[in-house]
Amino acid sequence: GTAAPHLRVRVVGAGHCDAESPSDNLCPTLCGQGDPSTSYLFRRYAVSFLGCVLTGDPAYAPYVGGTGLDTDIAMNRVADLSRLAA
């Protein structure tokens, strides 16, 4: 395995291409439709996790196991949270 920290979330209602920003017409045609309005969640968690790991900046903590993540789970924006042991 990899060293801690670990964070894995699934963006509810998103498709494979929704992580692309901007996307193109080819990806949804080949991979299926999702919900492009969820793209901000991919950015939120990617930036927060990398910012937390690379800089240790506590401003990112709410989305890396904190209240922001809890709120997104409660609002059914993200699901399948897995906290893996180191």
C-alpha atoms as a PDB file:
ATOM      1  CA  GLY A   1       0.000   0.000   0.000  1.00  0.00           C
ATOM      2  CA  THR A   2       0.860   3.638   0.053  1.00  0.00           C
ATOM      3  CA  ALA A   3       1.690   5.822   3.012  1.00  0.00           C
ATOM      4  CA  ALA A   4      -1.080   7.720   4.810  1.00  0.00           C
ATOM      5  CA  PRO A   5      -3.117   9.801   4.315  1.00  0.00           C
ATOM      6  CA  HIS A   6      -5.733   8.074   2.188  1.00  0.00           C
ATOM      7  CA  LEU A   7      -9.023   9.463   0.944  1.00  0.00           C
ATOM      8  CA  ARG A   8     -11.456   7.957  -1.541  1.00  0.00           C
ATOM      9  CA  VAL A   9     -14.811   9.436  -2.450  1.00  0.00           C
ATOM     10  CA  ARG A  10     -17.259   8.801  -5.265  1.00  0.00           C
ATOM     11  CA  VAL A  11     -19.070  11.822  -6.660  1.00  0.00           C
ATOM     12  CA  VAL A  12     -22.776  10.950  -6.684  1.00  0.00           C
ATOM     13  CA  GLY A  13     -24.361  11.133 -10.134  1.00  0.00           C
ATOM     14  CA  ALA A  14     -21.090  11.849 -11.915  1.00  0.00           C
ATOM     15  CA  GLY A  15     -19.939  10.073 -15.026  1.00  0.00           C
ATOM     16  CA  HIS A  16     -16.459   9.172 -16.144  1.00  0.00           C
ATOM     17  CA  CYS A  17     -16.033  12.400 -18.116  1.00  0.00           C
ATOM     18  CA  ASP A  18     -17.254  14.783 -15.429  1.00  0.00           C
ATOM     19  CA  ALA A  19     -13.789  14.936 -13.901  1.00  0.00           C
ATOM     20  CA  GLU A  20     -12.625  16.677 -17.084  1.00  0.00           C
ATOM     21  CA  SER A  21     -12.952  20.421 -17.058  1.00  0.00           C
ATOM     22  CA  PRO A  22     -13.467  21.452 -19.720  1.00  0.00           C
ATOM     23  CA  SER A  23     -14.561  18.279 -21.439  1.00  0.00           C
ATOM     24  CA  ASP A  24     -15.299  17.652 -25.073  1.00  0.00           C
ATOM     25  CA  ASN A  25     -18.129  15.967 -26.957  1.00  0.00           C
ATOM     26  CA  LEU A  26     -16.150  12.790 -27.615  1.00  0.00           C
ATOM     27  CA  CYS A  27     -15.824  11.565 -24.027  1.00  0.00           C
ATOM     28  CA  PRO A  28     -19.571  11.534 -23.193  1.00  0.00           C
ATOM     29  CA  THR A  29     -20.281   9.884 -26.540  1.00  0.00           C
ATOM     30  CA  LEU A  30     -17.874   7.039 -25.792  1.00  0.00           C
ATOM     31  CA  CYS A  31     -18.208   6.813 -22.000  1.00  0.00           C
ATOM     32  CA  GLY A  32     -21.808   7.835 -21.363  1.00  0.00           C
ATOM     33  CA  GLN A  33     -23.473  10.829 -19.807  1.00  0.00           C
ATOM     34  CA  GLY A  34     -22.952  11.881 -16.238  1.00  0.00           C
ATOM     35  CA  ASP A  35     -23.668  15.242 -14.688  1.00  0.00           C
ATOM     36  CA  PRO A  36     -21.189  17.964 -15.704  1.00  0.00           C
ATOM     37  CA  SER A  37     -22.481  20.160 -12.858  1.00  0.00           C
ATOM     38  CA  THR A  38     -20.544  17.855 -10.495  1.00  0.00           C
ATOM     39  CA  SER A  39     -17.141  18.883 -11.921  1.00  0.00           C
ATOM     40  CA  TYR A  40     -16.548  21.287  -9.035  1.00  0.00           C
ATOM     41  CA  LEU A  41     -16.578  18.364  -6.602  1.00  0.00           C
ATOM     42  CA  PHE A  42     -13.712  16.664  -8.433  1.00  0.00           C
ATOM     43  CA  ARG A  43     -11.708  19.897  -8.197  1.00  0.00           C
ATOM     44  CA  ARG A  44     -12.687  20.384  -4.540  1.00  0.00           C
ATOM     45  CA  TYR A  45     -11.375  17.003  -3.448  1.00  0.00           C
ATOM     46  CA  ALA A  46      -8.338  16.858  -5.713  1.00  0.00           C
ATOM     47  CA  VAL A  47      -7.141  20.324  -4.695  1.00  0.00           C
ATOM     48  CA  SER A  48      -7.949  19.786  -1.026  1.00  0.00           C
ATOM     49  CA  PHE A  49      -6.192  16.446  -0.794  1.00  0.00           C
ATOM     50  CA  LEU A  50      -3.108  17.586  -2.683  1.00  0.00           C
ATOM     51  CA  GLY A  51      -2.982  20.884  -0.802  1.00  0.00           C
ATOM     52  CA  CYS A  52      -3.220  19.094   2.509  1.00  0.00           C
ATOM     53  CA  VAL A  53      -0.581  16.513   1.640  1.00  0.00           C
ATOM     54  CA  LEU A  54       1.854  18.808  -0.161  1.00  0.00           C
ATOM     55  CA  THR A  55       1.607  21.949   1.944  1.00  0.00           C
ATOM     56  CA  GLY A  56       0.010  20.853   5.203  1.00  0.00           C
ATOM     57  CA  ASP A  57      -2.226  23.921   4.976  1.00  0.00           C
ATOM     58  CA  PRO A  58      -5.085  23.474   7.486  1.00  0.00           C
ATOM     59  CA  ALA A  59      -7.428  25.411   5.175  1.00  0.00           C
ATOM     60  CA  TYR A  60      -7.845  22.199   3.169  1.00  0.00           C
ATOM     61  CA  ALA A  61      -8.717  20.031   6.187  1.00  0.00           C
ATOM     62  CA  PRO A  62     -12.529  20.411   6.012  1.00  0.00           C
ATOM     63  CA  TYR A  63     -12.587  18.314   2.846  1.00  0.00           C
ATOM     64  CA  VAL A  64      -9.967  15.810   3.958  1.00  0.00           C
ATOM     65  CA  GLY A  65     -11.831  14.038   6.724  1.00  0.00           C
ATOM     66  CA  GLY A  66     -13.467  17.135   8.214  1.00  0.00           C
ATOM     67  CA  THR A  67     -16.762  18.958   8.332  1.00  0.00           C
ATOM     68  CA  GLY A  68     -16.837  19.827   4.620  1.00  0.00           C
ATOM     69  CA  LEU A  69     -16.565  16.159   3.714  1.00  0.00           C
ATOM     70  CA  ASP A  70     -19.207  15.255   6.291  1.00  0.00           C
ATOM     71  CA  THR A  71     -21.546  17.884   4.840  1.00  0.00           C
ATOM     72  CA  ASP A  72     -21.011  16.648   1.273  1.00  0.00           C
ATOM     73  CA  ILE A  73     -21.791  13.098   2.424  1.00  0.00           C
ATOM     74  CA  ALA A  74     -24.925  14.240   4.312  1.00  0.00           C
ATOM     75  CA  MET A  75     -26.069  16.249   1.263  1.00  0.00           C
ATOM     76  CA  ASN A  76     -25.496  13.156  -0.950  1.00  0.00           C
ATOM     77  CA  ARG A  77     -22.886  14.936  -3.062  1.00  0.00           C
ATOM     78  CA  VAL A  78     -20.207  12.325  -2.396  1.00  0.00           C
ATOM     79  CA  ALA A  79     -20.440   8.743  -1.201  1.00  0.00           C
ATOM     80  CA  ASP A  80     -18.400   5.631  -0.518  1.00  0.00           C
ATOM     81  CA  LEU A  81     -15.923   7.271   1.805  1.00  0.00           C
ATOM     82  CA  SER A  82     -13.131   4.814   2.546  1.00  0.00           C
ATOM     83  CA  ARG A  83     -10.510   5.614   5.129  1.00  0.00           C
ATOM     84  CA  LEU A  84      -7.766   3.097   4.562  1.00  0.00           C
ATOM     85  CA  ALA A  85      -5.298   2.181   7.262  1.00  0.00           C
ATOM     86  CA  ALA A  86      -1.706   3.154   6.639  1.00  0.00           C
END
